[in-house]
Every structure is written in C-alpha cells, then in structure tokens.
Amino acid sequence: MRLSVVLSRCAATASRAIRRVAAAVGRVARAAIAPTVAAIRSGARRACRRAATGWRFGRLAAPLFAAACGRAESPTPVPSSPQPDRVTAASPVAPEPDAGVDRPLGSFHLTFYYVADEDEVGASSRRRAPSPSPSSGEPADTTLAAGMPDLVPIFDRRCEPLGNVSRAFARQLAMQGTGRLRDGRVLNVSGPCDCPRTPCFHVLPSNRKWGTGEGGRPLEPFRTVAVDPRKVPLGSSLYIPELDGVRMPGPRGVGGFVHDGCVVAGDTGGGVRGAQLDLFVARRAYYHGLARRGGSHGWARSVEVFDGARRCTGRGGEARSAAGAI
C-alpha cells in the first residue's frame, strides 16, 4: 500500500476521534453550567417582576416592564394559531404583584392633632381689663388689673352646660375634637347640635383618657390617623416610611419608642379631605417634639403611604396601649 493512502486514513481516523472528544467535552460542560444558567434566568425573571410591580417605577412604567417580563419568560415560540389568552403588545398584562411588595397608595399630606388642654391654652387666653381714663376720675379696679378670661359656655347634646371656658380653648376644643378641662374632665366632640354654640361634647369615662375615634374606638397616640373614608377605608392598616425608625416624644407608655411606620385609620375629621392623614399625637408638646431642624413640620407635607395589611399585621394600633393618664 502506498504511503500517501496510509497517511490519509490515519488523518481521517484522528479527525473522527477529535470530534468525538470535543462532543463529549461539550456535553460535560453543558451539564455542569446548566444549574447556574437556570439560576441566573430565574433571578432575572424575579427582578423583572419586581420592576413591573414596584412603586419606584410608577404606574405608567409598569405595563412596559410587564410586557418585557412576559417576553423574557416565554422562550418557546408563540404558536401561529390564535389563542384566547394570548398577550399582545397592544394589551400587556402585568404579572401578579409580588407578595413582598407593599402596595403604594400615593403621596399624602400628614397633619397632626392632639388633646387640647385648658391649662395650656388658658395661660395665653387672658386679656387685661381696660384701665380707666385718668380724666374720668374713677379709681382703678385693682381686682381686674390682672385680667379676666373671656369665657363662653360649652354644652352637651341635651344643651346642658358643661362649663365655661375661654374662647381660645373653645376654638381649640372644637378643632382637636378632644380636650381636658382644668377640673380633670376629658371632653370628646359629639357632633353638631341645636345649642347656642356648636359643636356639642360629652364627658369621657376614665378609661378613655385620650378620646375616642370613629365607632368609639379609643385613640392611640402616634398610631391612630384620621382619614377621609372616601379615600382610605376606616380600619385600614397603613405604612408610612417617613415615621419608620423615628423615636416618638413623650414618656414610656405613651411615646418614647422607635416607630415602625405602622398606623391605623381609626378616626375621621371635618377638616380631613382627600389625600390627607391626621396623626393623633396626644399632646401639644409632643406635636412640637416631632418638629425637625428649625422647628419645622415641613417634612410631613408630602409623605409616601403604603397599604400595611401585610407589613403591619398584628402591629400598629393593636401593638401598644396608650391608656396612660394625660
């Protein structure tokens, strides 16, 4: 046999052997990296779903991410025959929300209310009696020189007087809805009535030192928020990130704890309209304690609010009691 024929057959045999070895190496490599590739694809799909449902991208961008996720999760070709639930570019369907994402409710204006205290308001509500003119010849009445409060009556729903208070305190009582009289009684608003002055009030029992909200539920300092029921259903758990991690003012049992951002929609108010939450802070001093640099509450003009049904289950207004004395 000629040498050239022998060399040609040897080369063909070596080529076939090399191809078989390369194919075997390829199979081993694919088997080794397949789990890693699958993990990367799964992580990409989860990230895509969160981008589609996460609040950071807003509602307008969610359909675009949803359509992109749908294409990323469908590696098989779309069948040529029309399907009843086929997703088209004109009607993207977002995937189900991730259970770990809080549903955004939007941006709200956070305001504050508290129990009006007659002692605190009364100190600034006194006015001096007018001094007699020197030309009148009348002696000055030294008993009035220190000033007299400008008093007005307040009534219960039967139009029975509950007492006389300064005009300034009466205004605060009507605005805050709950107030503590100098004699220790705590009054809560009962709504409008036919008495000479509206609204009317009722005296709270001793176990309702902070007042009551809608449905007679006791108010919880730093936990109860008044809402517009047309915007936020009563009884809803809400999560406010702006409060999360902030230490609340006041003594232990009322304040003094680090807030977790969970509150409960447990009250309404005549002045609460639309995208507004009115946080109950117990006392005027605690309201000032929530001010930040420069004594400003500007941080609360626009806060993001989320549905707290998942995050705040068993927390919020149910987590702590604020039944301590005022």
Foldseek 3Di string as FASTA:
>chain_A
DDPVVVVVVVVVVVVVVVVVVVVVVVVVVCVVCVVVVVVVLVVVLVVLLCCLQAPVNHPVCNQVSQVVSVVSPPPDDDDPDDDPPDADPVHRDRDDHDPVHFAWLFKFFEAAAAAAEQVVQVVPQWDADDFDDPVVPDDGDPVRRVTDAQWDFAAAQVLDTPDIGHPRSVVSCQQRQWYAYPVGWIWGWPFCHDHPDDDHIDTDDLQQQGHAAPPRHRAAAQAEKAADCVSPNAFFKKFWVVQAQDFFDDDPLRTRDRDRRIHGHGHHDPPHDHRYIYGYHHDPVRVQVPADPPSDPVVSRITIMTGCVPVAVCHGPNPGHNRDHD
